């Protein structure tokens, strides 16, 4: 009987400690809203960058020495930390020490994307709370390029200096949030700048085009303004009549939903380039105004895999 009571007390204490620790961990990151991501790797990366930003906010520029003395802690098998000033000068690079002190403000990736320029835009974008940027880079110790998605946060230090801290995932999972950001940004740009925004969004070096993702636009009648396939609309695509691999019409279905809302998601089936099977993809579509006329802005990405990922 005494053993049972002792065992119950032990279980109660363990549960209490677990709840306290869990609450503490949740509170630490509760402002990050990690629920918008489907993949564990993505969430862990945001936490990694956020923790570094807290140290910079607390200790200021002198924390650069801390990062340098603990370089191995910030250079993991999955990602490494970097810190830049707002002019593109590298202050700390856990993965490539030789970059420290160099200005990378004008560095372009192999597709012509100015990475620093994209990051500076992302960290001031209210639609992009974690400063996501997508580009091509190389992994430490490798000589060939790979796809990358990086999370970046702006920090104002106690000295009054502004820097950005970030880290990136190589060959990242395609999050739905990534296309939500670029489509919402494109919709706002069109509403603000009108037809001049079309060329900016179509630019392959812009934030609106990365990997297999390309932001596109069309009118209510289905007329293409920005093609989802090529830079020029060389052929009229009846986008509303387009079907997926099982006969569904995702664009037509999405427009029905947009009669009562500003944005929507639509799942459809497509061929997989890796396997001879069908896979699920998702379309994110939202409406905006161009010269007083309703237009639709969208992008397509892979549908996140099951929750065990």
C-alpha atoms as a PDB file:
ATOM      1  CA  UNK A   1       0.000   0.000   0.000  1.00  0.00           C
ATOM      2  CA  UNK A   2       2.854   2.349   0.907  1.00  0.00           C
ATOM      3  CA  UNK A   3       4.507   1.448  -2.400  1.00  0.00           C
ATOM      4  CA  UNK A   4       1.350   2.394  -4.332  1.00  0.00           C
ATOM      5  CA  UNK A   5       1.136   5.766  -2.600  1.00  0.00           C
ATOM      6  CA  UNK A   6       4.808   6.428  -3.270  1.00  0.00           C
ATOM      7  CA  UNK A   7       4.366   5.489  -6.924  1.00  0.00           C
ATOM      8  CA  UNK A   8       1.334   7.778  -7.259  1.00  0.00           C
ATOM      9  CA  UNK A   9       3.251  10.675  -5.680  1.00  0.00           C
ATOM     10  CA  UNK A  10       6.150  10.081  -8.093  1.00  0.00           C
ATOM     11  CA  UNK A  11       3.805  10.082 -11.098  1.00  0.00           C
ATOM     12  CA  UNK A  12       2.086  13.269  -9.870  1.00  0.00           C
ATOM     13  CA  UNK A  13       5.408  15.077  -9.410  1.00  0.00           C
ATOM     14  CA  UNK A  14       6.617  13.943 -12.841  1.00  0.00           C
ATOM     15  CA  UNK A  15       3.430  15.135 -14.522  1.00  0.00           C
ATOM     16  CA  UNK A  16       3.634  18.467 -12.701  1.00  0.00           C
ATOM     17  CA  UNK A  17       7.251  18.982 -13.802  1.00  0.00           C
ATOM     18  CA  UNK A  18       6.341  18.043 -17.377  1.00  0.00           C
ATOM     19  CA  UNK A  19       3.476  20.563 -17.433  1.00  0.00           C
ATOM     20  CA  UNK A  20       5.675  23.317 -15.979  1.00  0.00           C
ATOM     21  CA  UNK A  21       8.487  22.649 -18.443  1.00  0.00           C
ATOM     22  CA  UNK A  22       6.077  22.406 -21.354  1.00  0.00           C
ATOM     23  CA  UNK A  23       4.421  25.666 -20.407  1.00  0.00           C
ATOM     24  CA  UNK A  24       7.815  27.336 -20.161  1.00  0.00           C
ATOM     25  CA  UNK A  25       8.845  26.141 -23.613  1.00  0.00           C
ATOM     26  CA  UNK A  26       5.537  27.159 -25.117  1.00  0.00           C
ATOM     27  CA  UNK A  27       5.736  30.605 -23.547  1.00  0.00           C
ATOM     28  CA  UNK A  28       9.198  31.153 -24.944  1.00  0.00           C
ATOM     29  CA  UNK A  29       8.005  30.818 -28.520  1.00  0.00           C
ATOM     30  CA  UNK A  30       4.318  31.689 -28.215  1.00  0.00           C
ATOM     31  CA  UNK A  31       4.744  34.946 -30.155  1.00  0.00           C
ATOM     32  CA  UNK A  32       6.246  33.105 -33.146  1.00  0.00           C
ATOM     33  CA  UNK A  33       2.987  31.448 -34.261  1.00  0.00           C
ATOM     34  CA  UNK A  34       4.714  28.285 -35.443  1.00  0.00           C
ATOM     35  CA  UNK A  35       1.325  26.693 -36.151  1.00  0.00           C
ATOM     36  CA  UNK A  36       1.469  28.172 -39.667  1.00  0.00           C
ATOM     37  CA  UNK A  37       4.107  25.583 -40.591  1.00  0.00           C
ATOM     38  CA  UNK A  38       3.565  21.901 -41.334  1.00  0.00           C
ATOM     39  CA  UNK A  39       7.155  20.667 -41.034  1.00  0.00           C
ATOM     40  CA  UNK A  40       9.240  20.147 -37.894  1.00  0.00           C
ATOM     41  CA  UNK A  41      12.436  21.254 -39.661  1.00  0.00           C
ATOM     42  CA  UNK A  42      10.880  24.619 -40.506  1.00  0.00           C
ATOM     43  CA  UNK A  43       9.699  25.212 -36.941  1.00  0.00           C
ATOM     44  CA  UNK A  44      13.089  24.273 -35.494  1.00  0.00           C
ATOM     45  CA  UNK A  45      14.867  26.669 -37.843  1.00  0.00           C
ATOM     46  CA  UNK A  46      12.643  29.587 -36.796  1.00  0.00           C
ATOM     47  CA  UNK A  47      13.311  28.786 -33.125  1.00  0.00           C
ATOM     48  CA  UNK A  48      17.060  28.615 -33.831  1.00  0.00           C
ATOM     49  CA  UNK A  49      17.119  32.070 -35.439  1.00  0.00           C
ATOM     50  CA  UNK A  50      14.762  33.546 -32.848  1.00  0.00           C
ATOM     51  CA  UNK A  51      16.967  32.391 -29.947  1.00  0.00           C
ATOM     52  CA  UNK A  52      19.983  34.062 -31.556  1.00  0.00           C
ATOM     53  CA  UNK A  53      17.991  37.264 -32.090  1.00  0.00           C
ATOM     54  CA  UNK A  54      17.129  37.374 -28.369  1.00  0.00           C
ATOM     55  CA  UNK A  55      20.816  37.262 -27.446  1.00  0.00           C
ATOM     56  CA  UNK A  56      21.564  40.085 -29.881  1.00  0.00           C
ATOM     57  CA  UNK A  57      18.721  42.169 -28.476  1.00  0.00           C
ATOM     58  CA  UNK A  58      19.952  41.593 -24.929  1.00  0.00           C
ATOM     59  CA  UNK A  59      23.734  41.816 -25.274  1.00  0.00           C
ATOM     60  CA  UNK A  60      24.078  43.875 -28.447  1.00  0.00           C
ATOM     61  CA  UNK A  61      27.060  43.791 -30.780  1.00  0.00           C
ATOM     62  CA  UNK A  62      29.362  42.405 -28.108  1.00  0.00           C
ATOM     63  CA  UNK A  63      27.444  39.131 -28.466  1.00  0.00           C
ATOM     64  CA  UNK A  64      29.200  38.691 -31.844  1.00  0.00           C
ATOM     65  CA  UNK A  65      32.232  37.521 -29.870  1.00  0.00           C
ATOM     66  CA  UNK A  66      30.055  35.042 -28.009  1.00  0.00           C
ATOM     67  CA  UNK A  67      28.843  33.588 -31.298  1.00  0.00           C
ATOM     68  CA  UNK A  68      32.409  33.340 -32.596  1.00  0.00           C
ATOM     69  CA  UNK A  69      33.585  31.565 -29.442  1.00  0.00           C
ATOM     70  CA  UNK A  70      30.680  29.136 -29.737  1.00  0.00           C
ATOM     71  CA  UNK A  71      30.806  28.670 -33.485  1.00  0.00           C
ATOM     72  CA  UNK A  72      30.222  24.912 -33.361  1.00  0.00           C
ATOM     73  CA  UNK A  73      26.950  25.443 -31.474  1.00  0.00           C
ATOM     74  CA  UNK A  74      25.626  27.558 -34.341  1.00  0.00           C
ATOM     75  CA  UNK A  75      26.867  25.324 -37.145  1.00  0.00           C
ATOM     76  CA  UNK A  76      24.677  22.225 -37.015  1.00  0.00           C
ATOM     77  CA  UNK A  77      24.271  19.418 -39.535  1.00  0.00           C
ATOM     78  CA  UNK A  78      21.051  21.055 -40.732  1.00  0.00           C
ATOM     79  CA  UNK A  79      21.849  24.791 -40.774  1.00  0.00           C
ATOM     80  CA  UNK A  80      24.233  27.508 -39.635  1.00  0.00           C
ATOM     81  CA  UNK A  81      23.727  30.994 -38.242  1.00  0.00           C
ATOM     82  CA  UNK A  82      24.787  34.256 -39.904  1.00  0.00           C
ATOM     83  CA  UNK A  83      24.603  37.924 -38.925  1.00  0.00           C
ATOM     84  CA  UNK A  84      24.873  40.922 -41.274  1.00  0.00           C
ATOM     85  CA  UNK A  85      24.610  44.663 -40.947  1.00  0.00           C
ATOM     86  CA  UNK A  86      22.031  46.470 -43.063  1.00  0.00           C
ATOM     87  CA  UNK A  87      24.616  47.275 -45.747  1.00  0.00           C
ATOM     88  CA  UNK A  88      25.340  43.616 -46.403  1.00  0.00           C
ATOM     89  CA  UNK A  89      28.568  43.311 -44.394  1.00  0.00           C
ATOM     90  CA  UNK A  90      28.935  39.929 -42.746  1.00  0.00           C
ATOM     91  CA  UNK A  91      29.553  40.138 -38.997  1.00  0.00           C
ATOM     92  CA  UNK A  92      29.383  36.442 -38.183  1.00  0.00           C
ATOM     93  CA  UNK A  93      29.083  33.279 -40.244  1.00  0.00           C
ATOM     94  CA  UNK A  94      29.072  29.955 -38.413  1.00  0.00           C
ATOM     95  CA  UNK A  95      29.348  27.912 -41.605  1.00  0.00           C
ATOM     96  CA  UNK A  96      31.811  29.967 -43.643  1.00  0.00           C
ATOM     97  CA  UNK A  97      34.222  31.849 -41.385  1.00  0.00           C
ATOM     98  CA  UNK A  98      36.048  33.256 -44.420  1.00  0.00           C
ATOM     99  CA  UNK A  99      33.016  35.459 -45.222  1.00  0.00           C
ATOM    100  CA  UNK A 100      33.280  37.440 -41.982  1.00  0.00           C
ATOM    101  CA  UNK A 101      34.108  41.081 -42.586  1.00  0.00           C
ATOM    102  CA  UNK A 102      33.184  40.883 -46.277  1.00  0.00           C
ATOM    103  CA  UNK A 103      30.352  42.806 -47.900  1.00  0.00           C
ATOM    104  CA  UNK A 104      27.952  40.511 -49.752  1.00  0.00           C
ATOM    105  CA  UNK A 105      25.411  43.204 -50.594  1.00  0.00           C
ATOM    106  CA  UNK A 106      25.798  42.721 -54.338  1.00  0.00           C
ATOM    107  CA  UNK A 107      26.201  38.957 -54.428  1.00  0.00           C
ATOM    108  CA  UNK A 108      23.868  37.206 -56.882  1.00  0.00           C
ATOM    109  CA  UNK A 109      22.964  33.534 -56.858  1.00  0.00           C
ATOM    110  CA  UNK A 110      23.219  31.466 -60.047  1.00  0.00           C
ATOM    111  CA  UNK A 111      19.728  32.599 -61.103  1.00  0.00           C
ATOM    112  CA  UNK A 112      20.553  36.293 -60.739  1.00  0.00           C
ATOM    113  CA  UNK A 113      18.807  36.835 -57.408  1.00  0.00           C
ATOM    114  CA  UNK A 114      20.335  39.490 -55.157  1.00  0.00           C
ATOM    115  CA  UNK A 115      20.095  37.603 -51.863  1.00  0.00           C
ATOM    116  CA  UNK A 116      20.816  40.526 -49.530  1.00  0.00           C
ATOM    117  CA  UNK A 117      18.301  42.743 -51.310  1.00  0.00           C
ATOM    118  CA  UNK A 118      15.631  40.042 -50.995  1.00  0.00           C
ATOM    119  CA  UNK A 119      16.380  39.610 -47.287  1.00  0.00           C
ATOM    120  CA  UNK A 120      16.220  43.355 -46.579  1.00  0.00           C
ATOM    121  CA  UNK A 121      12.828  43.442 -48.266  1.00  0.00           C
ATOM    122  CA  UNK A 122      11.590  40.341 -46.430  1.00  0.00           C
ATOM    123  CA  UNK A 123      12.461  41.515 -42.909  1.00  0.00           C
ATOM    124  CA  UNK A 124      10.330  44.633 -43.415  1.00  0.00           C
ATOM    125  CA  UNK A 125       7.399  42.767 -44.974  1.00  0.00           C
ATOM    126  CA  UNK A 126       4.368  42.508 -42.669  1.00  0.00           C
ATOM    127  CA  UNK A 127       3.129  39.523 -44.697  1.00  0.00           C
ATOM    128  CA  UNK A 128       6.408  37.710 -44.003  1.00  0.00           C
ATOM    129  CA  UNK A 129       6.849  37.686 -40.199  1.00  0.00           C
ATOM    130  CA  UNK A 130       9.850  35.351 -40.253  1.00  0.00           C
ATOM    131  CA  UNK A 131      11.605  36.943 -43.206  1.00  0.00           C
ATOM    132  CA  UNK A 132      11.588  33.964 -45.585  1.00  0.00           C
ATOM    133  CA  UNK A 133      13.772  34.184 -48.684  1.00  0.00           C
ATOM    134  CA  UNK A 134      14.361  31.471 -51.304  1.00  0.00           C
ATOM    135  CA  UNK A 135      17.498  31.229 -53.439  1.00  0.00           C
ATOM    136  CA  UNK A 136      20.375  29.008 -54.539  1.00  0.00           C
ATOM    137  CA  UNK A 137      23.511  28.640 -52.422  1.00  0.00           C
ATOM    138  CA  UNK A 138      26.131  26.019 -51.691  1.00  0.00           C
ATOM    139  CA  UNK A 139      26.413  23.782 -48.670  1.00  0.00           C
ATOM    140  CA  UNK A 140      29.527  23.989 -46.519  1.00  0.00           C
ATOM    141  CA  UNK A 141      32.199  21.768 -48.003  1.00  0.00           C
ATOM    142  CA  UNK A 142      30.273  21.202 -51.242  1.00  0.00           C
ATOM    143  CA  UNK A 143      31.029  22.737 -54.642  1.00  0.00           C
ATOM    144  CA  UNK A 144      27.633  22.412 -56.314  1.00  0.00           C
ATOM    145  CA  UNK A 145      24.603  24.682 -55.824  1.00  0.00           C
ATOM    146  CA  UNK A 146      21.526  23.672 -53.874  1.00  0.00           C
ATOM    147  CA  UNK A 147      18.128  25.184 -53.168  1.00  0.00           C
ATOM    148  CA  UNK A 148      17.785  27.109 -49.940  1.00  0.00           C
ATOM    149  CA  UNK A 149      15.080  28.776 -47.851  1.00  0.00           C
ATOM    150  CA  UNK A 150      16.251  31.049 -45.055  1.00  0.00           C
ATOM    151  CA  UNK A 151      14.517  32.633 -42.080  1.00  0.00           C
ATOM    152  CA  UNK A 152      15.721  36.154 -41.233  1.00  0.00           C
ATOM    153  CA  UNK A 153      14.901  38.514 -38.376  1.00  0.00           C
ATOM    154  CA  UNK A 154      15.799  42.177 -37.980  1.00  0.00           C
ATOM    155  CA  UNK A 155      17.303  43.132 -34.634  1.00  0.00           C
ATOM    156  CA  UNK A 156      17.890  46.545 -33.084  1.00  0.00           C
ATOM    157  CA  UNK A 157      20.703  46.232 -30.556  1.00  0.00           C
ATOM    158  CA  UNK A 158      20.981  48.171 -27.273  1.00  0.00           C
ATOM    159  CA  UNK A 159      23.597  50.359 -29.002  1.00  0.00           C
ATOM    160  CA  UNK A 160      20.998  51.375 -31.576  1.00  0.00           C
ATOM    161  CA  UNK A 161      22.537  49.379 -34.433  1.00  0.00           C
ATOM    162  CA  UNK A 162      20.329  47.429 -36.835  1.00  0.00           C
ATOM    163  CA  UNK A 163      21.400  43.995 -38.053  1.00  0.00           C
ATOM    164  CA  UNK A 164      19.698  40.899 -39.375  1.00  0.00           C
ATOM    165  CA  UNK A 165      20.271  37.384 -38.143  1.00  0.00           C
ATOM    166  CA  UNK A 166      19.297  34.295 -40.079  1.00  0.00           C
ATOM    167  CA  UNK A 167      19.829  30.687 -41.056  1.00  0.00           C
ATOM    168  CA  UNK A 168      18.681  28.547 -43.956  1.00  0.00           C
ATOM    169  CA  UNK A 169      17.526  25.056 -44.800  1.00  0.00           C
ATOM    170  CA  UNK A 170      19.110  23.318 -47.779  1.00  0.00           C
ATOM    171  CA  UNK A 171      16.638  21.419 -49.977  1.00  0.00           C
ATOM    172  CA  UNK A 172      13.744  22.592 -47.798  1.00  0.00           C
ATOM    173  CA  UNK A 173      10.251  21.200 -47.626  1.00  0.00           C
ATOM    174  CA  UNK A 174       7.728  23.320 -49.498  1.00  0.00           C
ATOM    175  CA  UNK A 175       5.548  24.997 -46.885  1.00  0.00           C
ATOM    176  CA  UNK A 176       2.119  26.326 -47.796  1.00  0.00           C
ATOM    177  CA  UNK A 177       3.090  29.480 -45.889  1.00  0.00           C
ATOM    178  CA  UNK A 178       5.837  30.199 -48.430  1.00  0.00           C
ATOM    179  CA  UNK A 179       3.392  30.658 -51.306  1.00  0.00           C
ATOM    180  CA  UNK A 180       0.877  32.430 -49.080  1.00  0.00           C
ATOM    181  CA  UNK A 181       3.503  35.116 -48.476  1.00  0.00           C
ATOM    182  CA  UNK A 182       4.446  35.732 -52.114  1.00  0.00           C
ATOM    183  CA  UNK A 183       0.851  35.673 -53.373  1.00  0.00           C
ATOM    184  CA  UNK A 184      -0.372  38.109 -50.706  1.00  0.00           C
ATOM    185  CA  UNK A 185       2.570  40.395 -51.456  1.00  0.00           C
ATOM    186  CA  UNK A 186       1.866  40.243 -55.194  1.00  0.00           C
ATOM    187  CA  UNK A 187      -1.825  41.022 -54.663  1.00  0.00           C
ATOM    188  CA  UNK A 188      -0.972  44.067 -52.560  1.00  0.00           C
ATOM    189  CA  UNK A 189       1.601  45.244 -55.091  1.00  0.00           C
ATOM    190  CA  UNK A 190      -0.919  45.078 -57.948  1.00  0.00           C
ATOM    191  CA  UNK A 191      -3.540  46.926 -55.905  1.00  0.00           C
ATOM    192  CA  UNK A 192      -0.981  49.631 -55.098  1.00  0.00           C
ATOM    193  CA  UNK A 193       1.003  49.994 -58.338  1.00  0.00           C
ATOM    194  CA  UNK A 194      -1.404  48.745 -60.977  1.00  0.00           C
ATOM    195  CA  UNK A 195      -0.053  47.452 -64.286  1.00  0.00           C
ATOM    196  CA  UNK A 196       3.542  48.408 -63.454  1.00  0.00           C
ATOM    197  CA  UNK A 197       3.490  45.612 -60.867  1.00  0.00           C
ATOM    198  CA  UNK A 198       3.023  42.981 -63.572  1.00  0.00           C
ATOM    199  CA  UNK A 199       6.614  43.228 -64.824  1.00  0.00           C
ATOM    200  CA  UNK A 200       7.979  43.224 -61.261  1.00  0.00           C
ATOM    201  CA  UNK A 201       6.092  40.057 -60.372  1.00  0.00           C
ATOM    202  CA  UNK A 202       7.045  38.368 -63.661  1.00  0.00           C
ATOM    203  CA  UNK A 203      10.768  39.026 -63.097  1.00  0.00           C
ATOM    204  CA  UNK A 204      12.419  35.605 -62.536  1.00  0.00           C
ATOM    205  CA  UNK A 205      14.896  37.169 -60.098  1.00  0.00           C
ATOM    206  CA  UNK A 206      12.148  38.541 -57.866  1.00  0.00           C
ATOM    207  CA  UNK A 207      10.777  37.079 -54.649  1.00  0.00           C
ATOM    208  CA  UNK A 208       7.686  35.952 -56.567  1.00  0.00           C
ATOM    209  CA  UNK A 209       9.546  33.225 -58.441  1.00  0.00           C
ATOM    210  CA  UNK A 210      11.568  30.483 -56.781  1.00  0.00           C
ATOM    211  CA  UNK A 211      12.236  26.820 -57.451  1.00  0.00           C
ATOM    212  CA  UNK A 212       9.060  25.436 -59.107  1.00  0.00           C
ATOM    213  CA  UNK A 213       6.884  28.242 -57.731  1.00  0.00           C
ATOM    214  CA  UNK A 214       5.769  31.069 -59.998  1.00  0.00           C
ATOM    215  CA  UNK A 215       3.156  33.653 -59.037  1.00  0.00           C
ATOM    216  CA  UNK A 216       0.584  34.088 -61.813  1.00  0.00           C
ATOM    217  CA  UNK A 217      -2.427  36.313 -62.445  1.00  0.00           C
ATOM    218  CA  UNK A 218      -5.595  36.202 -64.531  1.00  0.00           C
ATOM    219  CA  UNK A 219      -8.894  38.032 -64.941  1.00  0.00           C
ATOM    220  CA  UNK A 220     -12.421  36.833 -64.126  1.00  0.00           C
ATOM    221  CA  UNK A 221     -12.848  35.755 -67.740  1.00  0.00           C
ATOM    222  CA  UNK A 222      -9.694  33.635 -67.513  1.00  0.00           C
ATOM    223  CA  UNK A 223      -7.416  35.948 -69.498  1.00  0.00           C
ATOM    224  CA  UNK A 224      -3.815  35.448 -68.414  1.00  0.00           C
ATOM    225  CA  UNK A 225      -1.958  38.522 -67.104  1.00  0.00           C
ATOM    226  CA  UNK A 226       1.058  36.631 -65.746  1.00  0.00           C
ATOM    227  CA  UNK A 227       1.561  33.165 -67.141  1.00  0.00           C
ATOM    228  CA  UNK A 228       2.211  30.284 -64.727  1.00  0.00           C
ATOM    229  CA  UNK A 229       4.476  28.706 -67.348  1.00  0.00           C
ATOM    230  CA  UNK A 230       6.491  31.224 -69.411  1.00  0.00           C
ATOM    231  CA  UNK A 231       7.466  34.882 -69.156  1.00  0.00           C
ATOM    232  CA  UNK A 232       5.299  35.880 -72.124  1.00  0.00           C
ATOM    233  CA  UNK A 233       1.728  34.843 -72.790  1.00  0.00           C
ATOM    234  CA  UNK A 234       2.488  33.288 -76.184  1.00  0.00           C
ATOM    235  CA  UNK A 235      -0.771  31.360 -76.138  1.00  0.00           C
ATOM    236  CA  UNK A 236      -4.161  31.964 -74.600  1.00  0.00           C
ATOM    237  CA  UNK A 237      -4.710  29.415 -71.853  1.00  0.00           C
ATOM    238  CA  UNK A 238      -8.304  28.786 -70.844  1.00  0.00           C
ATOM    239  CA  UNK A 239      -7.251  28.583 -67.228  1.00  0.00           C
ATOM    240  CA  UNK A 240     -10.766  28.153 -65.841  1.00  0.00           C
ATOM    241  CA  UNK A 241     -11.218  25.024 -67.948  1.00  0.00           C
ATOM    242  CA  UNK A 242      -7.907  23.470 -66.953  1.00  0.00           C
ATOM    243  CA  UNK A 243      -8.314  20.077 -65.267  1.00  0.00           C
ATOM    244  CA  UNK A 244      -6.090  18.063 -62.959  1.00  0.00           C
ATOM    245  CA  UNK A 245      -5.122  14.420 -63.502  1.00  0.00           C
ATOM    246  CA  UNK A 246      -8.473  13.121 -62.255  1.00  0.00           C
ATOM    247  CA  UNK A 247     -10.710  15.609 -64.073  1.00  0.00           C
ATOM    248  CA  UNK A 248     -11.263  18.252 -61.382  1.00  0.00           C
ATOM    249  CA  UNK A 249     -11.161  21.950 -62.273  1.00  0.00           C
ATOM    250  CA  UNK A 250      -9.195  23.569 -59.431  1.00  0.00           C
ATOM    251  CA  UNK A 251      -9.293  27.127 -60.806  1.00  0.00           C
ATOM    252  CA  UNK A 252     -13.006  27.058 -61.493  1.00  0.00           C
ATOM    253  CA  UNK A 253     -13.657  25.570 -58.047  1.00  0.00           C
ATOM    254  CA  UNK A 254     -11.477  28.197 -56.366  1.00  0.00           C
ATOM    255  CA  UNK A 255     -13.310  31.062 -58.081  1.00  0.00           C
ATOM    256  CA  UNK A 256     -16.607  29.789 -56.714  1.00  0.00           C
ATOM    257  CA  UNK A 257     -15.189  29.962 -53.184  1.00  0.00           C
ATOM    258  CA  UNK A 258     -13.801  33.446 -53.820  1.00  0.00           C
ATOM    259  CA  UNK A 259     -17.314  34.773 -54.370  1.00  0.00           C
ATOM    260  CA  UNK A 260     -17.639  34.989 -50.589  1.00  0.00           C
ATOM    261  CA  UNK A 261     -14.017  35.347 -49.420  1.00  0.00           C
ATOM    262  CA  UNK A 262     -10.759  37.082 -50.356  1.00  0.00           C
ATOM    263  CA  UNK A 263      -8.522  34.014 -50.532  1.00  0.00           C
ATOM    264  CA  UNK A 264      -8.793  30.240 -50.718  1.00  0.00           C
ATOM    265  CA  UNK A 265      -6.882  26.973 -50.976  1.00  0.00           C
ATOM    266  CA  UNK A 266      -7.666  24.249 -53.495  1.00  0.00           C
ATOM    267  CA  UNK A 267      -6.152  20.760 -53.539  1.00  0.00           C
ATOM    268  CA  UNK A 268      -5.689  18.899 -56.818  1.00  0.00           C
ATOM    269  CA  UNK A 269      -3.853  15.903 -58.269  1.00  0.00           C
ATOM    270  CA  UNK A 270      -0.752  16.136 -60.475  1.00  0.00           C
ATOM    271  CA  UNK A 271       1.951  13.853 -61.825  1.00  0.00           C
ATOM    272  CA  UNK A 272       4.984  13.364 -59.614  1.00  0.00           C
ATOM    273  CA  UNK A 273       8.378  13.944 -61.219  1.00  0.00           C
ATOM    274  CA  UNK A 274      10.002  11.563 -58.725  1.00  0.00           C
ATOM    275  CA  UNK A 275       7.628   8.604 -58.920  1.00  0.00           C
ATOM    276  CA  UNK A 276       5.244   7.251 -61.528  1.00  0.00           C
ATOM    277  CA  UNK A 277       2.289   8.052 -59.315  1.00  0.00           C
ATOM    278  CA  UNK A 278      -0.032  10.967 -58.723  1.00  0.00           C
ATOM    279  CA  UNK A 279       0.615  13.430 -55.937  1.00  0.00           C
ATOM    280  CA  UNK A 280      -1.399  16.151 -54.227  1.00  0.00           C
ATOM    281  CA  UNK A 281      -0.624  19.784 -54.907  1.00  0.00           C
ATOM    282  CA  UNK A 282      -2.275  22.889 -53.541  1.00  0.00           C
ATOM    283  CA  UNK A 283      -3.313  26.118 -55.196  1.00  0.00           C
ATOM    284  CA  UNK A 284      -3.470  29.327 -53.172  1.00  0.00           C
ATOM    285  CA  UNK A 285      -5.579  31.972 -54.865  1.00  0.00           C
ATOM    286  CA  UNK A 286      -6.708  35.412 -53.789  1.00  0.00           C
ATOM    287  CA  UNK A 287      -8.393  38.332 -55.463  1.00  0.00           C
ATOM    288  CA  UNK A 288      -7.375  41.963 -55.761  1.00  0.00           C
ATOM    289  CA  UNK A 289      -8.197  45.012 -57.844  1.00  0.00           C
ATOM    290  CA  UNK A 290      -6.443  46.226 -61.006  1.00  0.00           C
ATOM    291  CA  UNK A 291      -7.790  49.455 -62.513  1.00  0.00           C
ATOM    292  CA  UNK A 292     -11.152  48.846 -60.869  1.00  0.00           C
ATOM    293  CA  UNK A 293     -11.395  45.275 -62.164  1.00  0.00           C
ATOM    294  CA  UNK A 294     -11.161  42.091 -60.096  1.00  0.00           C
ATOM    295  CA  UNK A 295      -8.114  39.954 -60.859  1.00  0.00           C
ATOM    296  CA  UNK A 296      -6.879  36.740 -59.314  1.00  0.00           C
ATOM    297  CA  UNK A 297      -3.347  36.101 -58.048  1.00  0.00           C
ATOM    298  CA  UNK A 298      -2.102  32.614 -57.247  1.00  0.00           C
ATOM    299  CA  UNK A 299       0.691  30.095 -56.930  1.00  0.00           C
ATOM    300  CA  UNK A 300       0.978  26.326 -56.654  1.00  0.00           C
ATOM    301  CA  UNK A 301       3.155  24.171 -54.419  1.00  0.00           C
ATOM    302  CA  UNK A 302       3.406  20.593 -53.184  1.00  0.00           C
ATOM    303  CA  UNK A 303       0.916  19.653 -50.506  1.00  0.00           C
ATOM    304  CA  UNK A 304       2.702  18.947 -47.199  1.00  0.00           C
ATOM    305  CA  UNK A 305       3.076  15.273 -46.371  1.00  0.00           C
ATOM    306  CA  UNK A 306       1.455  13.489 -43.381  1.00  0.00           C
ATOM    307  CA  UNK A 307       1.974  14.735 -39.824  1.00  0.00           C
ATOM    308  CA  UNK A 308       4.786  12.257 -38.961  1.00  0.00           C
ATOM    309  CA  UNK A 309       7.199  14.490 -40.947  1.00  0.00           C
END
